[in-house]
Amino acid sequence: MQSCEHHLPENKVTRKAWIKAVNQHGFTSLKRRNGNVEAQYHRIIEFVKKHHLKDGDIYFERDFKTDEEGYLAMHKFMTPHFYIYLECGLDLVYYVEYDFFNCTYEADIMNQLAFYPISERSIRKALQPDFPMYYQRTLRIQKCNHIHSFKG
């Protein structure tokens, strides 16, 4: 049976924590939990896009896994009302941060974050200096290809 592990050559992109987590030998239960956390994370984003974004809504989404920025960062998604971020910690465990601002679908997201293993790996972290300013600053400083207008 062929291994599903990724063995990528060393370069700037592969010097990321998530690559080390995927390539570590053994620790199959950790790898499985990490994979489940990442899958749950992306299901939450797809849920928000499918059920809560309306045509013309502006959101930020960036996949950090394949770029040179952010050793720990894996993915970030943000709307004017909801923020979620996935990273691989120095301990090679995947973690999720999230926050809300006047979010009408907060209860829906909290229900999804209640499932194992994402429930053990996620934490609400207040954005600084506050949610609206963080969102506006994100839109100002990020490249245009990470800013999207939703089309349902």
N, C-alpha and C. Protein backbone atom coordinates (compact mmCIF):
# COMPACT_ATOMS: atom_id res chain seq x y z
N MET A 1 0.85 -1.19 0.00
CA MET A 1 0.00 0.00 0.00
C MET A 1 0.89 1.24 0.00
N GLN A 2 0.57 2.19 -0.83
CA GLN A 2 1.38 3.39 -0.98
C GLN A 2 1.04 4.40 0.11
N SER A 3 2.05 5.09 0.62
CA SER A 3 1.87 6.08 1.67
C SER A 3 1.20 7.34 1.12
N CYS A 4 0.36 7.95 1.96
CA CYS A 4 -0.30 9.20 1.58
C CYS A 4 0.49 10.42 2.04
N GLU A 5 1.63 10.20 2.66
CA GLU A 5 2.41 11.31 3.20
C GLU A 5 3.02 12.12 2.07
N HIS A 6 3.20 13.40 2.32
CA HIS A 6 3.83 14.30 1.36
C HIS A 6 5.31 14.42 1.71
N HIS A 7 6.15 14.04 0.81
CA HIS A 7 7.59 14.21 1.00
C HIS A 7 8.06 15.20 -0.06
N LEU A 8 8.07 16.46 0.31
CA LEU A 8 8.40 17.52 -0.62
C LEU A 8 9.85 17.95 -0.45
N PRO A 9 10.48 18.41 -1.52
CA PRO A 9 11.87 18.89 -1.40
C PRO A 9 11.94 20.14 -0.53
N GLU A 10 13.06 20.31 0.13
CA GLU A 10 13.25 21.47 1.01
C GLU A 10 13.45 22.73 0.19
N ASN A 11 12.63 23.73 0.43
CA ASN A 11 12.78 25.06 -0.15
C ASN A 11 12.02 26.02 0.74
N LYS A 12 11.90 27.26 0.33
CA LYS A 12 11.23 28.24 1.20
C LYS A 12 9.80 27.86 1.52
N VAL A 13 9.05 27.34 0.55
CA VAL A 13 7.66 27.00 0.78
C VAL A 13 7.53 25.81 1.72
N THR A 14 8.42 24.83 1.61
CA THR A 14 8.28 23.63 2.42
C THR A 14 8.87 23.77 3.82
N ARG A 15 9.47 24.88 4.13
CA ARG A 15 9.95 25.11 5.49
C ARG A 15 8.82 25.67 6.34
N LYS A 16 7.70 25.03 6.31
CA LYS A 16 6.53 25.44 7.07
C LYS A 16 6.20 24.36 8.08
N ALA A 17 5.59 24.77 9.17
CA ALA A 17 5.27 23.82 10.24
C ALA A 17 4.35 22.71 9.75
N TRP A 18 3.35 23.04 8.92
CA TRP A 18 2.41 22.00 8.49
C TRP A 18 3.10 20.92 7.67
N ILE A 19 4.15 21.29 6.91
CA ILE A 19 4.89 20.29 6.13
C ILE A 19 5.61 19.34 7.08
N LYS A 20 6.18 19.90 8.13
CA LYS A 20 6.85 19.06 9.13
C LYS A 20 5.84 18.14 9.80
N ALA A 21 4.65 18.65 10.09
CA ALA A 21 3.62 17.84 10.74
C ALA A 21 3.20 16.68 9.85
N VAL A 22 3.04 16.93 8.56
CA VAL A 22 2.62 15.89 7.62
C VAL A 22 3.74 14.86 7.41
N ASN A 23 4.98 15.32 7.41
CA ASN A 23 6.11 14.44 7.10
C ASN A 23 6.68 13.70 8.30
N GLN A 24 6.23 14.00 9.50
CA GLN A 24 6.81 13.32 10.66
C GLN A 24 6.44 11.84 10.63
N HIS A 25 7.38 11.01 11.01
CA HIS A 25 7.16 9.56 11.00
C HIS A 25 6.42 9.17 12.28
N GLY A 26 5.52 8.22 12.13
CA GLY A 26 4.72 7.80 13.28
C GLY A 26 3.65 8.84 13.56
N PHE A 27 3.24 8.96 14.79
CA PHE A 27 2.24 9.94 15.23
C PHE A 27 1.00 9.93 14.34
N THR A 28 0.57 8.75 13.91
CA THR A 28 -0.56 8.67 12.98
C THR A 28 -1.84 9.23 13.57
N SER A 29 -2.04 9.08 14.88
CA SER A 29 -3.27 9.64 15.48
C SER A 29 -3.25 11.16 15.43
N LEU A 30 -2.08 11.76 15.65
CA LEU A 30 -1.96 13.22 15.55
C LEU A 30 -2.20 13.68 14.12
N LYS A 31 -1.61 12.98 13.17
CA LYS A 31 -1.82 13.33 11.76
C LYS A 31 -3.30 13.22 11.40
N ARG A 32 -3.96 12.18 11.88
CA ARG A 32 -5.38 12.00 11.59
C ARG A 32 -6.21 13.12 12.21
N ARG A 33 -5.91 13.47 13.47
CA ARG A 33 -6.63 14.58 14.12
C ARG A 33 -6.37 15.90 13.40
N ASN A 34 -5.12 16.15 13.02
CA ASN A 34 -4.80 17.36 12.27
C ASN A 34 -5.60 17.41 10.97
N GLY A 35 -5.64 16.30 10.26
CA GLY A 35 -6.40 16.25 9.01
C GLY A 35 -7.89 16.50 9.24
N ASN A 36 -8.42 15.97 10.32
CA ASN A 36 -9.83 16.19 10.64
C ASN A 36 -10.11 17.63 11.02
N VAL A 37 -9.20 18.25 11.77
CA VAL A 37 -9.36 19.67 12.13
C VAL A 37 -9.37 20.51 10.87
N GLU A 38 -8.43 20.26 9.97
CA GLU A 38 -8.36 21.04 8.73
C GLU A 38 -9.63 20.84 7.90
N ALA A 39 -10.12 19.62 7.81
CA ALA A 39 -11.33 19.35 7.03
C ALA A 39 -12.54 20.05 7.65
N GLN A 40 -12.66 19.99 8.98
CA GLN A 40 -13.77 20.68 9.65
C GLN A 40 -13.68 22.18 9.44
N TYR A 41 -12.49 22.73 9.53
CA TYR A 41 -12.25 24.15 9.31
C TYR A 41 -12.78 24.57 7.94
N HIS A 42 -12.41 23.84 6.90
CA HIS A 42 -12.84 24.19 5.54
C HIS A 42 -14.34 23.97 5.34
N ARG A 43 -14.91 22.99 6.03
CA ARG A 43 -16.37 22.80 5.95
C ARG A 43 -17.11 24.00 6.54
N ILE A 44 -16.57 24.58 7.60
CA ILE A 44 -17.18 25.78 8.19
C ILE A 44 -17.17 26.93 7.18
N ILE A 45 -16.07 27.13 6.51
CA ILE A 45 -15.97 28.19 5.52
C ILE A 45 -16.96 27.95 4.38
N GLU A 46 -17.03 26.73 3.90
CA GLU A 46 -17.98 26.42 2.82
C GLU A 46 -19.42 26.62 3.29
N PHE A 47 -19.70 26.29 4.54
CA PHE A 47 -21.04 26.50 5.11
C PHE A 47 -21.38 27.99 5.09
N VAL A 48 -20.43 28.83 5.52
CA VAL A 48 -20.66 30.28 5.54
C VAL A 48 -20.90 30.79 4.13
N LYS A 49 -20.08 30.36 3.20
CA LYS A 49 -20.25 30.80 1.81
C LYS A 49 -21.59 30.36 1.24
N LYS A 50 -21.99 29.15 1.52
CA LYS A 50 -23.21 28.60 0.94
C LYS A 50 -24.48 29.18 1.58
N HIS A 51 -24.44 29.40 2.90
CA HIS A 51 -25.67 29.75 3.61
C HIS A 51 -25.75 31.19 4.11
N HIS A 52 -24.62 31.90 4.17
CA HIS A 52 -24.68 33.21 4.84
C HIS A 52 -24.12 34.37 4.03
N LEU A 53 -23.35 34.12 3.01
CA LEU A 53 -22.88 35.23 2.17
C LEU A 53 -23.90 35.50 1.08
N LYS A 54 -24.05 36.78 0.78
CA LYS A 54 -24.98 37.20 -0.27
C LYS A 54 -24.17 37.81 -1.41
N ASP A 55 -24.77 37.82 -2.60
CA ASP A 55 -24.08 38.41 -3.75
C ASP A 55 -23.56 39.80 -3.40
N GLY A 56 -22.29 40.01 -3.73
CA GLY A 56 -21.66 41.31 -3.49
C GLY A 56 -20.97 41.44 -2.15
N ASP A 57 -21.19 40.51 -1.21
CA ASP A 57 -20.49 40.56 0.08
C ASP A 57 -18.99 40.45 -0.16
N ILE A 58 -18.23 41.28 0.54
CA ILE A 58 -16.78 41.28 0.41
C ILE A 58 -16.18 40.43 1.53
N TYR A 59 -15.29 39.52 1.16
CA TYR A 59 -14.62 38.70 2.16
C TYR A 59 -13.15 38.52 1.77
N PHE A 60 -12.37 38.16 2.78
CA PHE A 60 -10.95 37.91 2.61
C PHE A 60 -10.72 36.41 2.77
N GLU A 61 -9.93 35.85 1.87
CA GLU A 61 -9.55 34.44 2.01
C GLU A 61 -8.16 34.25 1.45
N ARG A 62 -7.31 33.61 2.26
CA ARG A 62 -5.94 33.39 1.82
C ARG A 62 -5.44 32.03 2.28
N ASP A 63 -4.88 31.30 1.34
CA ASP A 63 -4.25 30.01 1.61
C ASP A 63 -2.76 30.27 1.79
N PHE A 64 -2.28 30.12 3.01
CA PHE A 64 -0.86 30.38 3.32
C PHE A 64 0.00 29.12 3.13
N LYS A 65 -0.62 27.99 2.85
CA LYS A 65 0.14 26.75 2.78
C LYS A 65 1.19 26.75 1.68
N THR A 66 0.92 27.41 0.58
CA THR A 66 1.83 27.33 -0.56
C THR A 66 2.56 28.63 -0.86
N ASP A 67 2.48 29.61 0.03
CA ASP A 67 3.27 30.81 -0.21
C ASP A 67 4.39 30.90 0.82
N GLU A 68 5.24 31.88 0.66
CA GLU A 68 6.43 31.97 1.50
C GLU A 68 6.20 32.69 2.82
N GLU A 69 5.03 33.29 3.00
CA GLU A 69 4.76 34.03 4.24
C GLU A 69 4.16 33.12 5.30
N GLY A 70 4.48 33.41 6.53
CA GLY A 70 3.85 32.75 7.65
C GLY A 70 4.29 31.32 7.88
N TYR A 71 5.25 31.12 8.76
CA TYR A 71 5.74 29.77 9.07
C TYR A 71 4.62 28.91 9.66
N LEU A 72 3.79 29.48 10.52
CA LEU A 72 2.73 28.71 11.18
C LEU A 72 1.40 28.79 10.44
N ALA A 73 1.17 29.87 9.72
CA ALA A 73 -0.12 30.12 9.07
C ALA A 73 -0.42 29.09 7.99
N MET A 74 -1.69 28.67 7.95
CA MET A 74 -2.15 27.75 6.92
C MET A 74 -3.27 28.36 6.07
N HIS A 75 -4.21 29.04 6.71
CA HIS A 75 -5.35 29.59 5.98
C HIS A 75 -6.04 30.63 6.85
N LYS A 76 -6.62 31.66 6.20
CA LYS A 76 -7.39 32.67 6.92
C LYS A 76 -8.60 33.05 6.08
N PHE A 77 -9.73 33.23 6.76
CA PHE A 77 -10.99 33.62 6.11
C PHE A 77 -11.66 34.66 7.00
N MET A 78 -12.19 35.72 6.35
CA MET A 78 -12.80 36.78 7.14
C MET A 78 -13.88 37.50 6.35
N THR A 79 -15.02 37.70 7.00
CA THR A 79 -16.10 38.52 6.48
C THR A 79 -16.24 39.70 7.45
N PRO A 80 -17.13 40.65 7.19
CA PRO A 80 -17.32 41.73 8.16
C PRO A 80 -17.85 41.26 9.52
N HIS A 81 -18.30 39.98 9.59
CA HIS A 81 -18.93 39.49 10.81
C HIS A 81 -18.27 38.25 11.41
N PHE A 82 -17.41 37.60 10.67
CA PHE A 82 -16.84 36.32 11.12
C PHE A 82 -15.40 36.21 10.65
N TYR A 83 -14.55 35.68 11.55
CA TYR A 83 -13.13 35.48 11.27
C TYR A 83 -12.76 34.08 11.72
N ILE A 84 -11.98 33.39 10.89
CA ILE A 84 -11.47 32.08 11.28
C ILE A 84 -10.08 31.90 10.66
N TYR A 85 -9.19 31.29 11.43
CA TYR A 85 -7.79 31.19 11.04
C TYR A 85 -7.27 29.82 11.45
N LEU A 86 -6.54 29.16 10.56
CA LEU A 86 -5.96 27.85 10.81
C LEU A 86 -4.45 27.96 10.80
N GLU A 87 -3.82 27.38 11.81
CA GLU A 87 -2.36 27.36 11.85
C GLU A 87 -1.87 26.03 12.37
N CYS A 88 -0.62 25.74 12.07
CA CYS A 88 0.06 24.59 12.63
C CYS A 88 1.04 25.13 13.65
N GLY A 89 0.83 24.77 14.91
CA GLY A 89 1.69 25.28 15.98
C GLY A 89 3.09 24.69 15.93
N LEU A 90 3.97 25.24 16.74
CA LEU A 90 5.34 24.73 16.82
C LEU A 90 5.37 23.28 17.30
N ASP A 91 4.31 22.87 17.99
CA ASP A 91 4.18 21.48 18.44
C ASP A 91 3.63 20.57 17.35
N LEU A 92 3.43 21.12 16.14
CA LEU A 92 2.94 20.41 14.96
C LEU A 92 1.48 19.98 15.09
N VAL A 93 0.76 20.66 15.94
CA VAL A 93 -0.68 20.45 16.13
C VAL A 93 -1.41 21.59 15.43
N TYR A 94 -2.50 21.28 14.73
CA TYR A 94 -3.30 22.29 14.05
C TYR A 94 -4.25 22.95 15.04
N TYR A 95 -4.30 24.27 14.99
CA TYR A 95 -5.16 25.07 15.87
C TYR A 95 -6.01 26.03 15.04
N VAL A 96 -7.16 26.39 15.60
CA VAL A 96 -8.09 27.31 14.94
C VAL A 96 -8.40 28.46 15.90
N GLU A 97 -8.32 29.67 15.38
CA GLU A 97 -8.78 30.87 16.09
C GLU A 97 -10.01 31.37 15.36
N TYR A 98 -10.92 31.99 16.10
CA TYR A 98 -12.10 32.55 15.47
C TYR A 98 -12.60 33.73 16.29
N ASP A 99 -13.43 34.55 15.66
CA ASP A 99 -14.08 35.66 16.36
C ASP A 99 -15.31 36.06 15.56
N PHE A 100 -16.19 36.80 16.22
CA PHE A 100 -17.44 37.25 15.62
C PHE A 100 -17.65 38.73 15.92
N PHE A 101 -18.43 39.38 15.05
CA PHE A 101 -18.86 40.75 15.27
C PHE A 101 -20.27 40.91 14.70
N ASN A 102 -21.24 41.10 15.59
CA ASN A 102 -22.64 41.24 15.15
C ASN A 102 -23.00 40.16 14.13
N CYS A 103 -22.64 38.94 14.42
CA CYS A 103 -22.79 37.84 13.48
C CYS A 103 -24.11 37.11 13.71
N THR A 104 -24.99 37.17 12.74
CA THR A 104 -26.30 36.54 12.87
C THR A 104 -26.22 35.01 12.83
N TYR A 105 -25.12 34.47 12.35
CA TYR A 105 -24.97 33.01 12.25
C TYR A 105 -23.94 32.46 13.25
N GLU A 106 -23.66 33.22 14.29
CA GLU A 106 -22.69 32.78 15.30
C GLU A 106 -23.07 31.44 15.91
N ALA A 107 -24.33 31.24 16.23
CA ALA A 107 -24.77 29.97 16.84
C ALA A 107 -24.52 28.80 15.90
N ASP A 108 -24.73 29.00 14.59
CA ASP A 108 -24.47 27.93 13.62
C ASP A 108 -22.99 27.54 13.63
N ILE A 109 -22.12 28.54 13.67
CA ILE A 109 -20.68 28.27 13.68
C ILE A 109 -20.27 27.60 14.99
N MET A 110 -20.79 28.10 16.10
CA MET A 110 -20.46 27.51 17.40
C MET A 110 -20.89 26.04 17.45
N ASN A 111 -22.01 25.70 16.85
CA ASN A 111 -22.45 24.30 16.80
C ASN A 111 -21.43 23.46 16.04
N GLN A 112 -20.90 23.98 14.95
CA GLN A 112 -19.92 23.23 14.18
C GLN A 112 -18.57 23.13 14.89
N LEU A 113 -18.23 24.14 15.66
CA LEU A 113 -16.98 24.11 16.42
C LEU A 113 -17.07 23.20 17.64
N ALA A 114 -18.26 22.72 17.95
CA ALA A 114 -18.45 21.87 19.13
C ALA A 114 -18.06 20.42 18.88
N PHE A 115 -17.82 20.04 17.62
CA PHE A 115 -17.51 18.65 17.30
C PHE A 115 -16.02 18.36 17.48
N TYR A 116 -15.73 17.16 17.98
CA TYR A 116 -14.36 16.68 18.12
C TYR A 116 -13.80 16.39 16.74
N PRO A 117 -12.55 16.67 16.44
CA PRO A 117 -11.50 17.20 17.30
C PRO A 117 -11.35 18.73 17.26
N ILE A 118 -12.09 19.42 16.38
CA ILE A 118 -11.92 20.87 16.29
C ILE A 118 -12.31 21.56 17.60
N SER A 119 -13.20 20.92 18.37
CA SER A 119 -13.61 21.51 19.64
C SER A 119 -12.44 21.65 20.61
N GLU A 120 -11.49 20.73 20.54
CA GLU A 120 -10.32 20.78 21.42
C GLU A 120 -9.19 21.66 20.87
N ARG A 121 -9.30 22.06 19.63
CA ARG A 121 -8.22 22.79 18.98
C ARG A 121 -8.60 24.20 18.59
N SER A 122 -9.74 24.70 19.04
CA SER A 122 -10.17 26.04 18.63
C SER A 122 -10.39 26.93 19.84
N ILE A 123 -10.16 28.22 19.61
CA ILE A 123 -10.31 29.21 20.68
C ILE A 123 -10.80 30.52 20.07
N ARG A 124 -11.70 31.15 20.81
CA ARG A 124 -12.14 32.47 20.39
C ARG A 124 -11.09 33.48 20.84
N LYS A 125 -10.63 34.29 19.90
CA LYS A 125 -9.59 35.27 20.20
C LYS A 125 -10.05 36.61 19.65
N ALA A 126 -10.23 37.57 20.53
CA ALA A 126 -10.69 38.90 20.13
C ALA A 126 -9.65 39.57 19.24
N LEU A 127 -10.10 40.09 18.13
CA LEU A 127 -9.21 40.77 17.20
C LEU A 127 -8.88 42.16 17.72
N GLN A 128 -7.67 42.61 17.45
CA GLN A 128 -7.19 43.89 17.98
C GLN A 128 -6.97 44.89 16.85
N PRO A 129 -7.28 46.17 17.04
CA PRO A 129 -7.81 46.75 18.27
C PRO A 129 -9.29 46.40 18.48
N ASP A 130 -10.00 46.13 17.41
CA ASP A 130 -11.35 45.59 17.50
C ASP A 130 -11.67 44.95 16.15
N PHE A 131 -12.75 44.22 16.08
CA PHE A 131 -13.08 43.47 14.87
C PHE A 131 -13.21 44.36 13.63
N PRO A 132 -14.04 45.42 13.67
CA PRO A 132 -14.20 46.24 12.45
C PRO A 132 -12.90 46.84 11.94
N MET A 133 -12.05 47.32 12.85
CA MET A 133 -10.77 47.91 12.42
C MET A 133 -9.83 46.85 11.85
N TYR A 134 -9.81 45.67 12.45
CA TYR A 134 -8.98 44.58 11.95
C TYR A 134 -9.43 44.19 10.54
N TYR A 135 -10.73 44.09 10.34
CA TYR A 135 -11.27 43.74 9.02
C TYR A 135 -10.88 44.80 7.98
N GLN A 136 -11.08 46.08 8.30
CA GLN A 136 -10.74 47.15 7.37
C GLN A 136 -9.24 47.18 7.07
N ARG A 137 -8.42 46.98 8.09
CA ARG A 137 -6.97 46.96 7.89
C ARG A 137 -6.57 45.76 7.00
N THR A 138 -7.22 44.63 7.22
CA THR A 138 -6.95 43.45 6.38
C THR A 138 -7.23 43.76 4.92
N LEU A 139 -8.37 44.38 4.65
CA LEU A 139 -8.72 44.71 3.26
C LEU A 139 -7.73 45.72 2.65
N ARG A 140 -7.21 46.63 3.48
CA ARG A 140 -6.26 47.64 2.99
C ARG A 140 -4.89 47.07 2.68
N ILE A 141 -4.39 46.16 3.52
CA ILE A 141 -2.99 45.74 3.38
C ILE A 141 -2.80 44.46 2.59
N GLN A 142 -3.84 43.67 2.40
CA GLN A 142 -3.68 42.42 1.67
C GLN A 142 -3.76 42.65 0.17
N LYS A 143 -3.13 41.79 -0.58
CA LYS A 143 -3.18 41.86 -2.03
C LYS A 143 -4.60 41.63 -2.52
N CYS A 144 -4.93 42.25 -3.63
CA CYS A 144 -6.29 42.19 -4.19
C CYS A 144 -6.73 40.77 -4.51
N ASN A 145 -5.81 39.89 -4.85
CA ASN A 145 -6.22 38.53 -5.20
C ASN A 145 -6.71 37.72 -4.00
N HIS A 146 -6.60 38.28 -2.79
CA HIS A 146 -7.13 37.62 -1.60
C HIS A 146 -8.45 38.23 -1.14
N ILE A 147 -8.87 39.29 -1.80
CA ILE A 147 -10.14 39.97 -1.48
C ILE A 147 -11.14 39.56 -2.54
N HIS A 148 -12.30 39.09 -2.10
CA HIS A 148 -13.28 38.55 -3.04
C HIS A 148 -14.65 39.19 -2.84
N SER A 149 -15.39 39.26 -3.91
CA SER A 149 -16.79 39.66 -3.87
C SER A 149 -17.61 38.41 -4.15
N PHE A 150 -18.45 38.04 -3.21
CA PHE A 150 -19.18 36.78 -3.32
C PHE A 150 -20.17 36.80 -4.48
N LYS A 151 -20.16 35.71 -5.21
CA LYS A 151 -21.13 35.51 -6.29
C LYS A 151 -21.76 34.15 -6.06
N GLY A 152 -23.05 34.16 -5.66
CA GLY A 152 -23.75 32.93 -5.30
C GLY A 152 -24.15 32.07 -6.38
